[in-house]
């Protein structure tokens, strides 16, 4: 893994599973209403939707457990082996949601199986982000760690764009009735078709030289003790992650939703904003990751935070003074730049502040407690 080509291939191989994790997350949110009708029938449509969203949210409850148990597995048995395990669990969850017959066929077993699928996805997601980020940090060439690690977040943006475009295509080809009956399963089936390819790709990963050089492999008990001893770092990590969570929520969910509610944008225009912001994030994340390699993590984190504090409210206020699609897009692109600047330095910083022997567990423990914005639940570019 010494050449640039070899490392480029390694980046692609490791982030492929991260792409699938975000893709699954997005499509469940996009099709929450159809999933509710299929698996949680009720005379009250709102109650049915709430049951669907509760199942969606149940996956988040498993993330801290995944962070501890799968994180410890990766820290003890290796990055490559752990990432294959997380992919297998993620795939099982996707297959369950895609293939389980509805309530009308299986009765109460149907929603229980979907719940199991979400629990598996949440458990694996508890360490996917950290496992990928740590792997990228450990294979990075000297002086380029920020650039390498930034591709973890960039791969998620690619999944956001792909899921959104797929939703609009299905919305164009299928009627609302077809989408509600069976069309919502198509993205999950596509995810199932992608899984074998990603599994083959990820199996070809090599273990990181840094992990191979380690002589001591900590037990679960030692890892938990180390996390307790370094709990201050965990709290610091949570503080770092808050900014990313809030900014991602703002640019991907709230602001486009405001455009639909207040500017009366069409579904297509709202989707266009989401796709363009995904593309903008995809551009800025690796660029600013590379910048953090040159200027340092702390200066970039401070600069992005100060700029966000100084400009977020004025820019949003400017948008609402004379609402228009153009102003919405301009504000979104500015906030995307701030998000890319902050996140491009933040993720790699998390890999650097955690003790090496518990790097994966320590990385994901702060992120697992902060729920990812329910993007798909606020911004649905599909009719169901």
Protein backbone atom coordinates (compact mmCIF):
# COMPACT_ATOMS: atom_id res chain seq x y z
CA UNK A 1 0.00 0.00 0.00
CA UNK A 2 2.91 2.32 -0.71
CA UNK A 3 1.92 3.94 -4.00
CA UNK A 4 -0.62 6.74 -4.38
CA UNK A 5 -2.67 4.46 -6.64
CA UNK A 6 -2.68 1.72 -4.01
CA UNK A 7 -3.77 4.11 -1.30
CA UNK A 8 -6.42 5.62 -3.55
CA UNK A 9 -7.85 2.13 -4.04
CA UNK A 10 -7.71 1.51 -0.29
CA UNK A 11 -9.69 4.72 0.33
CA UNK A 12 -12.36 3.61 -2.14
CA UNK A 13 -12.55 0.13 -0.62
CA UNK A 14 -12.96 1.26 2.95
CA UNK A 15 -15.47 4.10 2.33
CA UNK A 16 -17.73 1.90 0.18
CA UNK A 17 -19.37 0.43 3.29
CA UNK A 18 -19.76 3.90 4.77
CA UNK A 19 -21.62 4.89 1.59
CA UNK A 20 -24.05 1.98 2.10
CA UNK A 21 -24.66 2.91 5.74
CA UNK A 22 -25.66 6.48 4.87
CA UNK A 23 -27.67 5.31 1.84
CA UNK A 24 -29.75 2.98 4.04
CA UNK A 25 -30.26 5.77 6.55
CA UNK A 26 -31.49 8.19 3.90
CA UNK A 27 -33.89 5.87 2.10
CA UNK A 28 -35.60 4.76 5.32
CA UNK A 29 -36.26 8.41 6.09
CA UNK A 30 -37.42 9.15 2.55
CA UNK A 31 -39.96 6.31 2.62
CA UNK A 32 -41.03 6.42 6.27
CA UNK A 33 -44.67 6.98 5.32
CA UNK A 34 -44.81 3.99 2.95
CA UNK A 35 -43.02 1.79 5.48
CA UNK A 36 -45.57 2.85 8.09
CA UNK A 37 -48.47 1.78 5.87
CA UNK A 38 -46.83 -1.55 5.02
CA UNK A 39 -45.68 -2.69 8.46
CA UNK A 40 -47.60 -0.58 10.98
CA UNK A 41 -51.22 -0.42 9.77
CA UNK A 42 -53.50 1.70 11.88
CA UNK A 43 -56.76 3.59 11.58
CA UNK A 44 -54.75 6.61 12.65
CA UNK A 45 -52.20 7.52 9.97
CA UNK A 46 -50.25 9.65 12.45
CA UNK A 47 -49.95 6.78 14.92
CA UNK A 48 -48.81 4.49 12.11
CA UNK A 49 -46.12 6.96 11.08
CA UNK A 50 -44.97 7.39 14.68
CA UNK A 51 -44.52 3.62 15.01
CA UNK A 52 -42.44 3.64 11.83
CA UNK A 53 -40.31 6.50 13.14
CA UNK A 54 -39.95 4.81 16.52
CA UNK A 55 -38.56 1.76 14.72
CA UNK A 56 -36.25 4.07 12.79
CA UNK A 57 -35.11 5.69 16.03
CA UNK A 58 -34.58 2.33 17.73
CA UNK A 59 -31.47 1.94 15.62
CA UNK A 60 -29.95 4.93 17.41
CA UNK A 61 -30.36 3.19 20.76
CA UNK A 62 -28.02 0.46 19.52
CA UNK A 63 -25.27 2.83 18.43
CA UNK A 64 -23.61 3.23 21.86
CA UNK A 65 -23.62 -0.56 22.28
CA UNK A 66 -22.10 -0.97 18.83
CA UNK A 67 -19.49 1.66 19.69
CA UNK A 68 -18.39 -0.33 22.76
CA UNK A 69 -18.61 -3.93 21.57
CA UNK A 70 -17.73 -3.58 17.88
CA UNK A 71 -15.27 -0.80 18.67
CA UNK A 72 -13.53 -3.10 21.14
CA UNK A 73 -13.56 -5.89 18.55
CA UNK A 74 -11.84 -3.64 15.99
CA UNK A 75 -9.32 -2.36 18.53
CA UNK A 76 -8.48 -5.94 19.52
CA UNK A 77 -8.77 -7.96 16.31
CA UNK A 78 -7.95 -5.43 13.61
CA UNK A 79 -9.44 -2.72 11.42
CA UNK A 80 -9.95 -4.91 8.34
CA UNK A 81 -11.67 -7.79 10.14
CA UNK A 82 -13.90 -5.46 12.13
CA UNK A 83 -15.02 -3.52 9.06
CA UNK A 84 -16.03 -6.77 7.36
CA UNK A 85 -18.12 -7.73 10.41
CA UNK A 86 -19.89 -4.34 10.46
CA UNK A 87 -20.66 -4.63 6.74
CA UNK A 88 -22.17 -8.10 7.23
CA UNK A 89 -24.45 -6.87 10.03
CA UNK A 90 -25.45 -3.80 8.03
CA UNK A 91 -26.27 -6.01 5.04
CA UNK A 92 -28.49 -8.32 7.12
CA UNK A 93 -30.49 -5.33 8.30
CA UNK A 94 -30.91 -4.03 4.76
CA UNK A 95 -32.06 -7.42 3.46
CA UNK A 96 -34.66 -7.73 6.22
CA UNK A 97 -36.20 -4.34 5.49
CA UNK A 98 -36.16 -4.94 1.73
CA UNK A 99 -37.61 -8.45 1.68
CA UNK A 100 -39.90 -8.94 4.69
CA UNK A 101 -43.57 -9.18 3.58
CA UNK A 102 -45.99 -6.65 5.00
CA UNK A 103 -48.26 -6.85 8.03
CA UNK A 104 -51.11 -8.18 5.89
CA UNK A 105 -49.04 -11.30 5.13
CA UNK A 106 -46.99 -11.97 8.28
CA UNK A 107 -48.98 -10.17 10.93
CA UNK A 108 -47.06 -8.90 13.94
CA UNK A 109 -43.92 -10.77 12.84
CA UNK A 110 -43.48 -8.27 9.99
CA UNK A 111 -42.86 -5.15 12.11
CA UNK A 112 -40.75 -7.18 14.54
CA UNK A 113 -38.47 -8.31 11.71
CA UNK A 114 -38.19 -4.73 10.44
CA UNK A 115 -37.32 -3.66 13.98
CA UNK A 116 -34.63 -6.35 14.06
CA UNK A 117 -33.27 -5.01 10.78
CA UNK A 118 -33.04 -1.48 12.20
CA UNK A 119 -31.38 -2.75 15.38
CA UNK A 120 -28.74 -4.56 13.31
CA UNK A 121 -28.16 -1.44 11.21
CA UNK A 122 -27.89 0.74 14.31
CA UNK A 123 -25.50 -1.66 16.04
CA UNK A 124 -23.18 -1.77 13.03
CA UNK A 125 -23.47 2.00 12.47
CA UNK A 126 -22.23 2.43 16.03
CA UNK A 127 -18.70 1.83 14.81
CA UNK A 128 -18.74 2.14 11.00
CA UNK A 129 -17.84 5.83 10.97
CA UNK A 130 -15.10 5.39 13.56
CA UNK A 131 -13.72 2.23 11.99
CA UNK A 132 -13.47 3.86 8.57
CA UNK A 133 -11.97 7.08 9.94
CA UNK A 134 -9.34 5.26 12.00
CA UNK A 135 -8.41 3.03 9.06
CA UNK A 136 -7.95 6.07 6.80
CA UNK A 137 -5.89 7.86 9.47
CA UNK A 138 -3.61 4.85 9.86
CA UNK A 139 -2.92 4.38 6.13
CA UNK A 140 -2.47 8.09 5.40
CA UNK A 141 0.81 9.29 3.96
CA UNK A 142 2.75 11.63 6.29
CA UNK A 143 1.30 15.12 6.32
CA UNK A 144 -1.93 14.15 4.52
CA UNK A 145 -3.98 12.57 7.29
CA UNK A 146 -6.68 15.25 7.14
CA UNK A 147 -7.16 14.74 3.41
CA UNK A 148 -7.35 10.96 3.75
CA UNK A 149 -9.80 10.95 6.66
CA UNK A 150 -12.07 13.53 5.01
CA UNK A 151 -13.12 10.93 2.44
CA UNK A 152 -15.13 9.21 5.16
CA UNK A 153 -17.50 12.19 5.32
CA UNK A 154 -17.31 12.79 1.57
CA UNK A 155 -18.56 9.25 0.88
CA UNK A 156 -21.63 10.00 2.99
CA UNK A 157 -22.38 13.05 0.85
CA UNK A 158 -22.18 10.88 -2.26
CA UNK A 159 -24.79 8.60 -0.67
CA UNK A 160 -27.06 11.58 0.07
CA UNK A 161 -26.91 12.68 -3.57
CA UNK A 162 -27.43 9.15 -4.92
CA UNK A 163 -30.39 8.45 -2.62
CA UNK A 164 -32.02 11.76 -3.53
CA UNK A 165 -31.61 11.29 -7.28
CA UNK A 166 -32.91 7.73 -7.04
CA UNK A 167 -35.95 9.00 -5.15
CA UNK A 168 -36.75 11.56 -7.84
CA UNK A 169 -36.32 8.98 -10.61
CA UNK A 170 -38.75 6.59 -8.91
CA UNK A 171 -41.14 9.44 -8.27
CA UNK A 172 -41.06 10.20 -12.00
CA UNK A 173 -41.50 6.62 -13.20
CA UNK A 174 -44.02 5.31 -10.67
CA UNK A 175 -47.42 6.51 -9.52
CA UNK A 176 -48.02 7.39 -5.86
CA UNK A 177 -49.98 4.13 -5.48
CA UNK A 178 -47.12 2.06 -6.90
CA UNK A 179 -44.63 3.84 -4.65
CA UNK A 180 -46.74 3.09 -1.59
CA UNK A 181 -47.37 -0.55 -2.54
CA UNK A 182 -43.92 -1.70 -3.64
CA UNK A 183 -41.84 1.10 -5.14
CA UNK A 184 -40.36 2.08 -1.76
CA UNK A 185 -38.63 -1.32 -1.62
CA UNK A 186 -36.62 -0.63 -4.78
CA UNK A 187 -33.89 1.47 -3.09
CA UNK A 188 -33.46 -1.18 -0.40
CA UNK A 189 -33.22 -3.88 -3.07
CA UNK A 190 -30.59 -1.79 -4.85
CA UNK A 191 -28.76 -1.66 -1.52
CA UNK A 192 -28.97 -5.46 -1.35
CA UNK A 193 -27.52 -5.72 -4.87
CA UNK A 194 -24.66 -3.41 -3.91
CA UNK A 195 -23.77 -5.44 -0.79
CA UNK A 196 -21.97 -8.38 -2.52
CA UNK A 197 -19.86 -5.94 -4.54
CA UNK A 198 -18.91 -3.96 -1.43
CA UNK A 199 -18.20 -7.18 0.47
CA UNK A 200 -15.77 -8.31 -2.24
CA UNK A 201 -14.19 -4.85 -2.29
CA UNK A 202 -13.79 -4.70 1.49
CA UNK A 203 -12.39 -8.23 1.76
CA UNK A 204 -9.47 -7.06 -0.39
CA UNK A 205 -8.47 -4.50 2.25
CA UNK A 206 -5.10 -4.94 3.91
CA UNK A 207 -4.64 -4.50 7.64
CA UNK A 208 -3.07 -1.18 8.56
CA UNK A 209 0.68 -1.34 9.26
CA UNK A 210 0.17 0.68 12.45
CA UNK A 211 -2.19 -1.93 13.88
CA UNK A 212 0.06 -4.79 12.82
CA UNK A 213 2.98 -3.16 14.63
CA UNK A 214 1.09 -3.12 17.93
CA UNK A 215 2.14 -5.86 20.31
CA UNK A 216 -0.60 -5.49 22.90
CA UNK A 217 -4.23 -6.18 21.95
CA UNK A 218 -6.50 -4.85 24.72
CA UNK A 219 -9.40 -6.88 26.11
CA UNK A 220 -12.91 -5.47 26.40
CA UNK A 221 -12.34 -4.88 30.12
CA UNK A 222 -9.13 -2.94 29.43
CA UNK A 223 -10.84 -0.89 26.74
CA UNK A 224 -13.75 0.06 29.00
CA UNK A 225 -11.29 0.98 31.77
CA UNK A 226 -9.27 3.13 29.36
CA UNK A 227 -12.41 4.94 28.19
CA UNK A 228 -13.25 5.70 31.82
CA UNK A 229 -9.74 6.96 32.51
CA UNK A 230 -9.91 9.22 29.45
CA UNK A 231 -13.52 10.30 29.86
CA UNK A 232 -12.48 13.93 29.60
CA UNK A 233 -11.41 13.24 26.02
CA UNK A 234 -14.80 11.65 25.36
CA UNK A 235 -16.55 14.80 26.60
CA UNK A 236 -14.23 16.93 24.46
CA UNK A 237 -15.06 14.71 21.50
CA UNK A 238 -18.79 15.20 22.10
CA UNK A 239 -18.27 18.96 22.15
CA UNK A 240 -16.48 18.74 18.80
CA UNK A 241 -19.25 16.62 17.29
CA UNK A 242 -22.08 18.96 18.37
CA UNK A 243 -21.05 21.62 15.86
CA UNK A 244 -21.02 19.12 12.99
CA UNK A 245 -24.39 17.65 14.01
CA UNK A 246 -26.09 21.04 14.23
CA UNK A 247 -24.62 22.36 10.97
CA UNK A 248 -25.42 19.19 9.03
CA UNK A 249 -29.00 19.29 10.34
CA UNK A 250 -29.31 22.95 9.40
CA UNK A 251 -28.11 22.69 5.80
CA UNK A 252 -29.54 19.29 4.92
CA UNK A 253 -32.89 19.28 6.69
CA UNK A 254 -34.13 22.54 8.16
CA UNK A 255 -33.21 25.07 5.49
CA UNK A 256 -34.55 23.07 2.49
CA UNK A 257 -37.68 22.35 4.53
CA UNK A 258 -38.06 26.08 5.12
CA UNK A 259 -37.83 26.52 1.36
CA UNK A 260 -40.74 24.14 0.81
CA UNK A 261 -42.89 25.53 3.62
CA UNK A 262 -42.25 29.26 3.22
CA UNK A 263 -41.03 29.65 -0.36
CA UNK A 264 -43.45 27.02 -1.67
CA UNK A 265 -40.71 25.30 -3.65
CA UNK A 266 -41.68 22.26 -5.68
CA UNK A 267 -40.44 18.81 -4.67
CA UNK A 268 -37.97 19.02 -7.54
CA UNK A 269 -36.57 22.39 -6.43
CA UNK A 270 -36.26 21.20 -2.84
CA UNK A 271 -34.46 18.09 -4.08
CA UNK A 272 -32.23 20.24 -6.30
CA UNK A 273 -31.10 22.23 -3.26
CA UNK A 274 -30.39 19.01 -1.35
CA UNK A 275 -28.42 17.50 -4.23
CA UNK A 276 -26.42 20.68 -4.84
CA UNK A 277 -25.55 20.94 -1.16
CA UNK A 278 -24.50 17.30 -1.16
CA UNK A 279 -22.22 18.03 -4.11
CA UNK A 280 -20.87 21.14 -2.38
CA UNK A 281 -20.15 19.18 0.79
CA UNK A 282 -18.45 16.48 -1.27
CA UNK A 283 -16.14 19.14 -2.74
CA UNK A 284 -15.31 21.08 0.42
CA UNK A 285 -14.70 18.18 2.79
CA UNK A 286 -11.51 16.82 1.15
CA UNK A 287 -10.35 20.33 0.22
CA UNK A 288 -10.59 21.54 3.81
CA UNK A 289 -9.21 18.27 5.12
CA UNK A 290 -6.12 19.02 3.03
CA UNK A 291 -6.09 22.61 4.33
CA UNK A 292 -6.09 21.27 7.90
CA UNK A 293 -2.93 19.33 7.03
CA UNK A 294 -1.23 22.63 6.20
CA UNK A 295 -2.56 25.05 8.82
CA UNK A 296 -3.40 22.60 11.62
CA UNK A 297 -6.69 21.27 13.01
CA UNK A 298 -7.18 23.81 15.80
CA UNK A 299 -6.86 27.00 13.70
CA UNK A 300 -9.31 25.67 11.10
CA UNK A 301 -11.79 24.49 13.75
CA UNK A 302 -11.65 27.86 15.51
CA UNK A 303 -11.95 29.83 12.27
CA UNK A 304 -14.94 27.79 11.05
CA UNK A 305 -16.67 28.05 14.44
CA UNK A 306 -16.17 31.81 14.70
CA UNK A 307 -17.35 32.35 11.14
CA UNK A 308 -20.43 30.23 11.80
CA UNK A 309 -21.27 32.15 14.98
CA UNK A 310 -20.81 35.50 13.24
CA UNK A 311 -22.54 34.76 9.94
CA UNK A 312 -25.17 32.01 10.42
CA UNK A 313 -27.91 34.24 11.83
CA UNK A 314 -27.25 37.25 9.53
CA UNK A 315 -27.22 35.04 6.45
CA UNK A 316 -30.47 33.31 7.43
CA UNK A 317 -32.01 36.68 8.27
CA UNK A 318 -30.93 38.01 4.86
CA UNK A 319 -32.63 35.02 3.24
CA UNK A 320 -35.98 35.59 4.96
CA UNK A 321 -36.01 39.35 4.25
CA UNK A 322 -36.63 38.66 0.56
CA UNK A 323 -37.20 34.90 0.22
CA UNK A 324 -36.26 33.36 -3.10
CA UNK A 325 -34.78 30.17 -4.48
CA UNK A 326 -31.57 32.03 -5.36
CA UNK A 327 -31.10 33.41 -1.84
CA UNK A 328 -31.86 30.02 -0.31
CA UNK A 329 -29.23 28.38 -2.49
CA UNK A 330 -26.63 31.08 -1.79
CA UNK A 331 -27.10 30.77 1.97
CA UNK A 332 -27.01 27.00 1.78
CA UNK A 333 -23.77 27.05 -0.21
CA UNK A 334 -22.17 29.38 2.35
CA UNK A 335 -23.24 27.14 5.23
CA UNK A 336 -21.97 24.14 3.27
CA UNK A 337 -18.55 25.80 3.07
CA UNK A 338 -18.55 26.31 6.85
CA UNK A 339 -19.65 22.71 7.42
CA UNK A 340 -16.94 21.37 5.11
CA UNK A 341 -14.32 23.56 6.78
CA UNK A 342 -15.23 22.40 10.27
CA UNK A 343 -15.86 18.74 9.53
CA UNK A 344 -12.77 18.48 7.33
CA UNK A 345 -10.67 19.15 10.43
CA UNK A 346 -12.92 17.70 13.14
CA UNK A 347 -13.06 14.04 12.10
CA UNK A 348 -9.29 13.67 11.79
CA UNK A 349 -8.85 15.56 15.07
CA UNK A 350 -10.97 12.92 16.81
CA UNK A 351 -8.69 10.16 15.54
CA UNK A 352 -5.67 12.05 16.85
CA UNK A 353 -6.83 12.84 20.39
CA UNK A 354 -7.91 9.30 21.29
CA UNK A 355 -5.42 6.85 22.87
CA UNK A 356 -4.06 4.53 20.19
CA UNK A 357 -5.03 1.30 21.99
CA UNK A 358 -8.72 2.30 22.09
CA UNK A 359 -8.78 4.61 19.09
CA UNK A 360 -11.86 3.15 17.38
CA UNK A 361 -13.94 2.80 20.54
CA UNK A 362 -12.84 6.21 21.80
CA UNK A 363 -13.62 7.84 18.46
CA UNK A 364 -17.14 6.55 18.18
CA UNK A 365 -18.21 6.77 21.80
CA UNK A 366 -18.80 10.56 21.57
CA UNK A 367 -20.55 10.35 18.18
CA UNK A 368 -22.79 7.43 19.15
CA UNK A 369 -24.58 9.46 21.81
CA UNK A 370 -25.48 12.30 19.47
CA UNK A 371 -28.28 11.22 17.08
CA UNK A 372 -27.72 11.98 13.46
CA UNK A 373 -30.16 14.53 12.10
CA UNK A 374 -33.33 12.91 10.83
CA UNK A 375 -32.67 14.30 7.39
CA UNK A 376 -34.97 12.06 5.44
CA UNK A 377 -37.88 12.69 7.78
CA UNK A 378 -37.82 16.41 7.11
CA UNK A 379 -36.91 16.46 3.44
CA UNK A 380 -38.67 13.81 1.39
CA UNK A 381 -38.27 14.20 -2.37
CA UNK A 382 -40.68 11.35 -3.06
CA UNK A 383 -44.41 10.87 -2.97
CA UNK A 384 -45.72 7.91 -1.02
